[in-house]
């Protein structure tokens, strides 16, 4: 069957990319992610900081809205067996510390229920599986009934402060959220204070919370683990600094209705936003109608090498705290990338950020796995889905299943195969010896 498929793929236009392999893969230790970038030549290593409020053009906190429509979609949590970076020598998962209802929470905050704390910890544990780095992230977590104007929201999330031109900053004159800046600098730039603050609606947008850990909410429940995962995502840096002026108070961009604006210096997130034609939004004139018109089209995308051309949420009219700070709802709802869309439905579960968001985090500067991994073991005679637990039994299957830039991990053996490789990917030996060829 595979030989027939290979012949079918080998058209005259593609014969040049046929690679008949007869070689041995040798296992080599993967490069250790250090979590600390080299200082940018000529940059000031002064740890210059700016509080969030004076720096922010978009002053609203990114939010997650609860949808009263029932949607039983399920995205399971990552399986540690499918995360080979956890087994690499010297790799350190990022630890988290959570302060439940600290003094800086809003007036009226309540004590956290124990089962809500357990759900919060489950979300923290998932992020800890996926992120590596030298510095612990501290979270201030608030539990309170949201006021009437925010009753439809489930949570808000934000960084506590930004830093730029610190020792280890990859780009000069660029604001980094403190949780990321601390990893890159391998330092506690904010002096032991929390790196993000998250608020959650104890009234669950008029519905019920599901605090279980196994992702089985009822049709009238919002999944707490999913909501916490989402808000931590904002605290990690999923935070643009663009705004659109509606001509009314407060004054977003100078008071002229229809204009768009952005902060300067920009945040690292802002540097990756472009229009559908490939023009960076930071190349639009600030405080301009051209930018304002662009911000309310559905034609705004991520432009990073790892996150790809992911479509961003940019509705018309502009929605403060939602526009550009989420993935597009129509494009990514009911997919494995649904976690960072602006809404979550009753019964919906998203216990994994998805490969797109992990790629976006890598573009920002985080050390996170691509999860573009497929696994091959010729001794597997049972069910195959390309995971570590159920690997394919041919390299051909692994290559066909691997995404662009993905990695095919091959367990020891002699694979009597010919391959077509016409996309960028990496073939890695899980251990020696491995031979591929006919």
Protein backbone atom coordinates (compact mmCIF):
# COMPACT_ATOMS: atom_id res chain seq x y z
CA UNK A 1 0.00 0.00 0.00
CA UNK A 2 2.77 2.42 0.86
CA UNK A 3 4.71 1.66 -2.30
CA UNK A 4 1.61 2.51 -4.36
CA UNK A 5 1.24 5.79 -2.50
CA UNK A 6 4.89 6.64 -3.09
CA UNK A 7 4.52 6.03 -6.82
CA UNK A 8 1.42 8.17 -6.92
CA UNK A 9 3.21 11.05 -5.19
CA UNK A 10 6.20 10.87 -7.53
CA UNK A 11 5.03 13.17 -10.32
CA UNK A 12 7.59 14.61 -12.79
CA UNK A 13 7.53 17.95 -10.98
CA UNK A 14 8.44 16.30 -7.71
CA UNK A 15 11.07 13.77 -8.76
CA UNK A 16 13.78 16.18 -7.67
CA UNK A 17 12.65 15.91 -4.07
CA UNK A 18 12.65 12.11 -3.95
CA UNK A 19 15.10 11.01 -1.31
CA UNK A 20 15.92 7.31 -1.33
CA UNK A 21 17.50 6.84 2.04
CA UNK A 22 20.12 4.34 3.04
CA UNK A 23 21.71 5.72 6.14
CA UNK A 24 22.04 5.29 9.83
CA UNK A 25 20.64 7.80 12.29
CA UNK A 26 22.75 8.38 15.35
CA UNK A 27 21.11 9.64 18.48
CA UNK A 28 22.50 12.95 19.70
CA UNK A 29 21.58 15.00 22.70
CA UNK A 30 19.26 17.85 21.82
CA UNK A 31 20.50 21.34 22.47
CA UNK A 32 19.69 22.30 26.01
CA UNK A 33 17.34 25.28 26.22
CA UNK A 34 18.99 27.64 28.63
CA UNK A 35 16.10 30.00 29.19
CA UNK A 36 18.58 32.88 29.02
CA UNK A 37 19.22 34.80 25.83
CA UNK A 38 22.49 36.52 25.09
CA UNK A 39 22.41 40.28 25.63
CA UNK A 40 21.72 42.26 22.50
CA UNK A 41 24.81 44.14 21.42
CA UNK A 42 24.52 47.82 22.20
CA UNK A 43 21.40 47.45 24.36
CA UNK A 44 21.14 48.93 27.81
CA UNK A 45 21.24 46.20 30.44
CA UNK A 46 19.40 48.32 32.97
CA UNK A 47 16.25 46.34 33.62
CA UNK A 48 14.18 49.44 32.85
CA UNK A 49 10.62 48.84 33.99
CA UNK A 50 7.31 50.52 33.37
CA UNK A 51 4.12 49.86 35.32
CA UNK A 52 1.28 48.50 33.21
CA UNK A 53 -1.14 51.41 33.45
CA UNK A 54 1.02 54.33 32.19
CA UNK A 55 2.38 52.16 29.38
CA UNK A 56 -0.93 50.77 28.16
CA UNK A 57 -2.84 52.13 25.16
CA UNK A 58 -5.34 49.28 25.52
CA UNK A 59 -6.25 49.65 29.17
CA UNK A 60 -8.81 46.83 29.44
CA UNK A 61 -7.64 43.47 30.71
CA UNK A 62 -7.93 40.53 28.31
CA UNK A 63 -11.06 38.60 29.19
CA UNK A 64 -12.82 35.32 28.54
CA UNK A 65 -16.55 35.40 27.91
CA UNK A 66 -18.90 32.60 28.79
CA UNK A 67 -21.30 31.39 26.11
CA UNK A 68 -24.59 29.93 27.33
CA UNK A 69 -24.64 27.58 24.32
CA UNK A 70 -23.76 23.99 25.15
CA UNK A 71 -20.73 22.65 23.30
CA UNK A 72 -19.32 19.26 24.35
CA UNK A 73 -15.99 19.79 22.50
CA UNK A 74 -13.03 18.15 24.24
CA UNK A 75 -9.31 18.92 23.95
CA UNK A 76 -7.42 16.62 26.34
CA UNK A 77 -4.42 17.62 28.42
CA UNK A 78 -0.94 16.84 27.09
CA UNK A 79 0.40 13.40 27.87
CA UNK A 80 3.85 13.56 29.51
CA UNK A 81 4.81 10.52 27.42
CA UNK A 82 4.45 12.71 24.31
CA UNK A 83 6.77 15.41 25.66
CA UNK A 84 10.32 14.17 25.01
CA UNK A 85 11.82 17.45 26.23
CA UNK A 86 10.96 16.37 29.77
CA UNK A 87 13.53 13.59 29.46
CA UNK A 88 16.38 15.74 28.18
CA UNK A 89 19.23 16.25 30.64
CA UNK A 90 19.26 19.64 32.29
CA UNK A 91 15.79 20.72 31.12
CA UNK A 92 13.95 22.44 33.94
CA UNK A 93 10.17 22.78 33.94
CA UNK A 94 8.96 26.17 35.11
CA UNK A 95 7.48 26.15 38.57
CA UNK A 96 4.47 28.21 39.66
CA UNK A 97 3.44 29.69 42.99
CA UNK A 98 -0.18 30.76 43.46
CA UNK A 99 -1.32 33.33 46.03
CA UNK A 100 -5.04 32.84 46.53
CA UNK A 101 -6.89 36.09 47.25
CA UNK A 102 -3.91 38.26 48.26
CA UNK A 103 -4.30 41.78 49.62
CA UNK A 104 -4.16 43.44 46.19
CA UNK A 105 -7.32 41.67 45.00
CA UNK A 106 -10.40 43.92 44.51
CA UNK A 107 -12.63 44.78 47.42
CA UNK A 108 -15.30 42.12 47.77
CA UNK A 109 -13.03 39.21 46.88
CA UNK A 110 -13.93 35.92 48.52
CA UNK A 111 -12.06 32.95 49.91
CA UNK A 112 -11.32 30.38 47.24
CA UNK A 113 -13.25 27.10 47.55
CA UNK A 114 -10.92 24.16 47.98
CA UNK A 115 -12.13 22.40 44.82
CA UNK A 116 -11.62 25.60 42.83
CA UNK A 117 -8.03 25.74 44.06
CA UNK A 118 -7.55 22.12 42.98
CA UNK A 119 -8.77 22.99 39.48
CA UNK A 120 -6.46 26.00 39.42
CA UNK A 121 -3.51 23.80 40.40
CA UNK A 122 -4.37 21.35 37.62
CA UNK A 123 -4.10 24.18 35.08
CA UNK A 124 -0.79 25.28 36.60
CA UNK A 125 0.53 21.73 36.34
CA UNK A 126 -0.38 21.58 32.64
CA UNK A 127 1.52 24.80 31.89
CA UNK A 128 4.46 23.51 33.92
CA UNK A 129 4.64 20.44 31.65
CA UNK A 130 4.93 22.66 28.58
CA UNK A 131 7.21 25.53 29.62
CA UNK A 132 10.86 25.29 30.59
CA UNK A 133 13.03 27.93 32.18
CA UNK A 134 15.01 28.84 35.29
CA UNK A 135 12.55 31.09 37.14
CA UNK A 136 9.37 30.40 39.11
CA UNK A 137 6.25 32.32 38.08
CA UNK A 138 4.15 33.78 40.89
CA UNK A 139 0.42 34.34 40.33
CA UNK A 140 -2.00 36.46 42.36
CA UNK A 141 -5.41 34.80 41.98
CA UNK A 142 -8.64 36.64 42.90
CA UNK A 143 -12.08 35.06 43.36
CA UNK A 144 -15.02 37.46 43.38
CA UNK A 145 -18.48 38.15 41.96
CA UNK A 146 -18.01 40.36 38.91
CA UNK A 147 -20.06 43.58 38.80
CA UNK A 148 -23.20 43.74 36.59
CA UNK A 149 -21.35 45.26 33.63
CA UNK A 150 -18.97 42.28 33.61
CA UNK A 151 -21.44 39.56 34.58
CA UNK A 152 -20.96 37.67 31.30
CA UNK A 153 -17.22 37.26 31.82
CA UNK A 154 -15.55 34.28 33.44
CA UNK A 155 -12.08 35.68 33.98
CA UNK A 156 -9.51 38.38 33.37
CA UNK A 157 -5.75 37.95 33.15
CA UNK A 158 -2.80 40.30 32.91
CA UNK A 159 0.87 40.69 33.59
CA UNK A 160 1.76 42.90 36.54
CA UNK A 161 4.57 44.84 34.85
CA UNK A 162 6.69 45.02 31.68
CA UNK A 163 10.46 45.28 31.28
CA UNK A 164 12.64 46.33 28.37
CA UNK A 165 16.36 46.49 27.55
CA UNK A 166 17.23 44.12 30.37
CA UNK A 167 20.25 41.82 30.29
CA UNK A 168 19.14 38.98 28.03
CA UNK A 169 16.43 40.84 26.11
CA UNK A 170 16.39 39.46 22.54
CA UNK A 171 15.12 42.77 21.09
CA UNK A 172 15.97 46.27 22.21
CA UNK A 173 13.33 48.94 22.85
CA UNK A 174 10.64 46.31 23.32
CA UNK A 175 8.45 45.66 26.35
CA UNK A 176 8.40 42.08 27.67
CA UNK A 177 5.90 40.78 30.25
CA UNK A 178 7.74 40.19 33.49
CA UNK A 179 7.14 36.41 33.57
CA UNK A 180 9.02 36.12 30.27
CA UNK A 181 11.60 38.80 31.07
CA UNK A 182 12.59 36.92 34.21
CA UNK A 183 13.22 33.74 32.21
CA UNK A 184 15.27 35.53 29.56
CA UNK A 185 17.32 37.45 32.11
CA UNK A 186 17.52 34.51 34.53
CA UNK A 187 16.80 37.06 37.22
CA UNK A 188 13.97 38.20 39.47
CA UNK A 189 13.54 41.61 37.89
CA UNK A 190 10.44 42.49 39.89
CA UNK A 191 11.94 41.70 43.26
CA UNK A 192 9.82 38.80 44.41
CA UNK A 193 6.45 40.30 43.47
CA UNK A 194 3.86 38.35 41.48
CA UNK A 195 4.34 38.17 37.71
CA UNK A 196 0.65 38.02 36.80
CA UNK A 197 -2.71 38.76 38.35
CA UNK A 198 -5.81 36.79 37.42
CA UNK A 199 -9.43 37.38 38.43
CA UNK A 200 -12.28 34.86 38.21
CA UNK A 201 -16.02 35.34 38.42
CA UNK A 202 -17.33 33.38 41.40
CA UNK A 203 -20.82 33.62 39.83
CA UNK A 204 -19.62 31.77 36.69
CA UNK A 205 -21.40 34.22 34.36
CA UNK A 206 -24.74 33.20 35.85
CA UNK A 207 -24.13 29.48 35.36
CA UNK A 208 -22.24 26.84 37.35
CA UNK A 209 -18.54 26.10 37.68
CA UNK A 210 -17.19 22.61 37.10
CA UNK A 211 -14.19 22.11 39.37
CA UNK A 212 -13.42 18.52 38.39
CA UNK A 213 -10.04 17.64 36.93
CA UNK A 214 -11.11 15.08 34.31
CA UNK A 215 -12.79 17.40 31.80
CA UNK A 216 -16.37 16.18 32.06
CA UNK A 217 -18.51 19.24 32.87
CA UNK A 218 -22.28 19.01 32.60
CA UNK A 219 -24.31 20.93 30.02
CA UNK A 220 -24.81 23.81 32.47
CA UNK A 221 -21.22 24.11 33.72
CA UNK A 222 -18.10 26.01 32.71
CA UNK A 223 -14.84 24.09 33.05
CA UNK A 224 -12.61 25.84 35.56
CA UNK A 225 -9.37 24.22 34.42
CA UNK A 226 -9.90 25.52 30.87
CA UNK A 227 -10.63 29.05 32.06
CA UNK A 228 -7.53 29.17 34.28
CA UNK A 229 -5.36 27.84 31.44
CA UNK A 230 -6.70 30.64 29.23
CA UNK A 231 -6.03 33.43 31.70
CA UNK A 232 -2.52 32.19 32.48
CA UNK A 233 -1.96 32.36 28.72
CA UNK A 234 -2.63 36.11 28.83
CA UNK A 235 -0.27 36.49 31.76
CA UNK A 236 2.46 34.77 29.74
CA UNK A 237 2.30 37.59 27.22
CA UNK A 238 -0.76 37.05 25.00
CA UNK A 239 -1.31 40.81 25.34
CA UNK A 240 -1.29 43.35 22.49
CA UNK A 241 -1.09 47.11 22.99
CA UNK A 242 -3.32 48.41 20.20
CA UNK A 243 -6.57 50.31 20.54
CA UNK A 244 -9.35 51.82 18.45
CA UNK A 245 -10.96 55.15 19.29
CA UNK A 246 -14.76 55.36 19.36
CA UNK A 247 -14.74 59.14 19.87
CA UNK A 248 -16.22 58.87 23.37
CA UNK A 249 -14.64 58.79 26.79
CA UNK A 250 -12.24 57.38 27.69
CA UNK A 251 -9.87 58.84 25.13
CA UNK A 252 -8.21 55.84 23.48
CA UNK A 253 -6.21 57.36 20.63
CA UNK A 254 -6.54 61.15 20.84
CA UNK A 255 -10.32 61.37 20.84
CA UNK A 256 -10.88 61.13 17.08
CA UNK A 257 -13.43 58.44 16.26
CA UNK A 258 -12.20 55.73 13.91
CA UNK A 259 -8.48 56.15 14.49
CA UNK A 260 -6.22 53.36 15.64
CA UNK A 261 -3.14 53.59 17.82
CA UNK A 262 -0.43 51.54 19.50
CA UNK A 263 2.05 51.97 22.30
CA UNK A 264 5.63 53.00 21.66
CA UNK A 265 7.93 51.28 22.42
CA UNK A 266 5.87 48.27 21.40
CA UNK A 267 5.30 45.10 23.33
CA UNK A 268 6.94 41.96 21.98
CA UNK A 269 3.48 40.61 21.06
CA UNK A 270 2.80 43.68 18.89
CA UNK A 271 5.84 42.98 16.71
CA UNK A 272 4.22 39.82 15.32
CA UNK A 273 0.87 41.24 14.16
CA UNK A 274 0.42 41.90 10.45
CA UNK A 275 -2.37 42.42 7.93
CA UNK A 276 -3.30 39.86 5.31
CA UNK A 277 -0.89 41.43 2.84
CA UNK A 278 2.09 40.96 5.16
CA UNK A 279 2.43 44.56 6.40
CA UNK A 280 3.20 44.80 10.11
CA UNK A 281 0.58 46.79 11.98
CA UNK A 282 3.43 48.71 13.60
CA UNK A 283 4.26 50.03 10.10
CA UNK A 284 0.89 51.79 9.92
CA UNK A 285 0.93 55.42 10.99
CA UNK A 286 0.09 55.73 14.67
CA UNK A 287 -3.18 57.52 15.53
CA UNK A 288 -4.39 57.10 11.94
CA UNK A 289 -7.63 56.20 10.19
CA UNK A 290 -5.71 53.66 8.11
CA UNK A 291 -4.76 51.75 11.24
CA UNK A 292 -8.23 52.21 12.70
CA UNK A 293 -9.82 50.71 9.60
CA UNK A 294 -7.40 47.77 9.66
CA UNK A 295 -8.02 46.99 13.31
CA UNK A 296 -11.70 46.27 12.67
CA UNK A 297 -11.25 43.97 9.70
CA UNK A 298 -11.00 40.19 9.91
CA UNK A 299 -7.66 40.46 8.15
CA UNK A 300 -5.14 40.48 11.01
CA UNK A 301 -2.69 37.62 11.54
CA UNK A 302 0.28 36.42 13.54
CA UNK A 303 3.53 36.50 11.60
CA UNK A 304 5.98 34.47 13.68
CA UNK A 305 8.10 31.61 12.38
CA UNK A 306 6.69 29.19 14.96
CA UNK A 307 3.12 30.43 15.36
CA UNK A 308 2.66 30.72 11.61
CA UNK A 309 -0.05 32.85 10.05
CA UNK A 310 -2.63 32.30 12.77
CA UNK A 311 -5.71 34.46 12.35
CA UNK A 312 -6.35 36.82 15.26
CA UNK A 313 -9.70 37.89 16.63
CA UNK A 314 -10.46 41.34 15.16
CA UNK A 315 -14.21 41.96 15.06
CA UNK A 316 -16.08 45.03 13.91
CA UNK A 317 -16.76 46.94 16.11
CA UNK A 318 -13.56 46.80 18.12
CA UNK A 319 -13.91 44.94 21.42
CA UNK A 320 -11.51 46.18 24.06
CA UNK A 321 -9.77 43.34 25.92
CA UNK A 322 -10.69 40.88 23.18
CA UNK A 323 -9.63 42.24 19.78
CA UNK A 324 -6.17 40.99 18.74
CA UNK A 325 -5.64 39.36 22.14
CA UNK A 326 -7.28 36.07 21.09
CA UNK A 327 -7.28 33.64 18.22
CA UNK A 328 -10.17 34.00 15.81
CA UNK A 329 -13.33 32.34 17.12
CA UNK A 330 -14.76 31.31 13.76
CA UNK A 331 -11.49 29.78 12.62
CA UNK A 332 -10.41 27.90 15.73
CA UNK A 333 -13.56 27.05 17.68
CA UNK A 334 -14.01 23.27 17.95
CA UNK A 335 -10.37 22.66 17.06
CA UNK A 336 -7.32 21.75 19.13
CA UNK A 337 -6.47 25.48 19.16
CA UNK A 338 -9.68 26.66 20.84
CA UNK A 339 -8.17 27.55 24.23
CA UNK A 340 -7.19 31.11 23.28
CA UNK A 341 -10.38 32.04 21.42
CA UNK A 342 -12.44 34.79 23.12
CA UNK A 343 -15.33 32.57 24.25
CA UNK A 344 -15.87 29.27 26.00
CA UNK A 345 -19.18 27.44 25.94
CA UNK A 346 -20.97 25.47 28.59
CA UNK A 347 -19.57 21.95 28.67
CA UNK A 348 -16.54 22.88 26.56
CA UNK A 349 -13.12 21.59 27.62
CA UNK A 350 -9.74 22.85 26.41
CA UNK A 351 -6.96 21.36 28.55
CA UNK A 352 -4.21 22.01 26.00
CA UNK A 353 -3.07 25.34 24.50
CA UNK A 354 -2.58 23.74 21.09
CA UNK A 355 0.43 23.81 18.79
CA UNK A 356 -0.41 27.24 17.35
CA UNK A 357 -0.34 28.98 20.71
CA UNK A 358 2.78 27.11 21.77
CA UNK A 359 4.39 28.32 18.55
CA UNK A 360 3.32 31.88 19.29
CA UNK A 361 4.86 31.61 22.75
CA UNK A 362 8.13 30.43 21.20
CA UNK A 363 8.02 33.44 18.88
CA UNK A 364 7.67 35.69 21.93
CA UNK A 365 10.74 34.08 23.51
CA UNK A 366 9.42 31.25 25.67
CA UNK A 367 11.02 27.83 25.60
CA UNK A 368 8.15 25.49 24.77
CA UNK A 369 7.92 22.26 22.78
CA UNK A 370 6.64 22.36 19.23
CA UNK A 371 4.63 19.19 19.86
CA UNK A 372 5.08 18.62 16.17
CA UNK A 373 6.34 15.16 17.10
CA UNK A 374 5.42 11.81 15.63
CA UNK A 375 6.89 8.53 16.81
CA UNK A 376 7.90 5.40 14.89
CA UNK A 377 8.62 1.91 16.20
CA UNK A 378 8.64 -0.99 13.74
CA UNK A 379 7.86 -3.44 16.55
CA UNK A 380 4.41 -1.95 17.15
CA UNK A 381 1.80 -4.42 15.95
CA UNK A 382 -1.23 -2.79 17.47
CA UNK A 383 -3.11 0.49 17.25
CA UNK A 384 -1.14 3.34 15.64
CA UNK A 385 -1.69 7.08 15.97
CA UNK A 386 1.89 8.37 15.99
CA UNK A 387 2.05 9.11 19.70
CA UNK A 388 4.76 7.78 21.96
CA UNK A 389 2.30 5.28 23.40
CA UNK A 390 1.01 4.13 19.98
CA UNK A 391 3.75 4.80 17.43
CA UNK A 392 3.57 4.20 13.70
CA UNK A 393 5.45 1.10 12.53
CA UNK A 394 6.93 2.74 9.40
CA UNK A 395 8.98 5.87 8.94
CA UNK A 396 6.84 6.72 5.92
CA UNK A 397 3.79 7.06 8.13
CA UNK A 398 5.72 9.28 10.53
CA UNK A 399 6.94 11.54 7.73
CA UNK A 400 3.47 11.87 6.22
CA UNK A 401 1.96 12.72 9.60
CA UNK A 402 4.64 15.22 10.69
CA UNK A 403 3.70 18.90 10.36
CA UNK A 404 6.00 21.39 8.66
CA UNK A 405 9.02 21.81 10.88
CA UNK A 406 7.99 18.81 12.98
CA UNK A 407 10.14 16.01 14.31
CA UNK A 408 9.90 12.30 13.58
CA UNK A 409 11.33 10.33 16.50
CA UNK A 410 12.45 6.86 15.37
CA UNK A 411 13.06 3.97 17.74
CA UNK A 412 15.90 1.49 17.05
CA UNK A 413 15.59 -0.91 14.15
CA UNK A 414 16.22 -1.44 10.45
CA UNK A 415 13.52 0.22 8.34
CA UNK A 416 13.42 -1.19 4.80
CA UNK A 417 11.81 1.87 3.19
CA UNK A 418 12.17 4.56 0.56
CA UNK A 419 10.96 8.02 1.52
CA UNK A 420 9.74 11.21 -0.04
CA UNK A 421 10.57 14.23 2.09
CA UNK A 422 9.25 17.38 0.46
CA UNK A 423 8.69 19.52 3.55
CA UNK A 424 10.98 20.82 6.30
CA UNK A 425 11.21 18.36 9.16
CA UNK A 426 13.74 16.64 11.39
CA UNK A 427 14.34 12.90 11.70
CA UNK A 428 15.71 12.06 15.14
CA UNK A 429 16.98 8.78 16.57
CA UNK A 430 15.48 7.94 19.94
CA UNK A 431 18.53 5.76 20.52
CA UNK A 432 21.04 3.79 18.44
CA UNK A 433 21.13 1.96 16.07
CA UNK A 434 18.68 2.96 13.32
CA UNK A 435 19.04 2.19 9.63
CA UNK A 436 16.70 3.41 6.90
CA UNK A 437 16.91 2.15 3.32
CA UNK A 438 16.30 -0.67 0.89
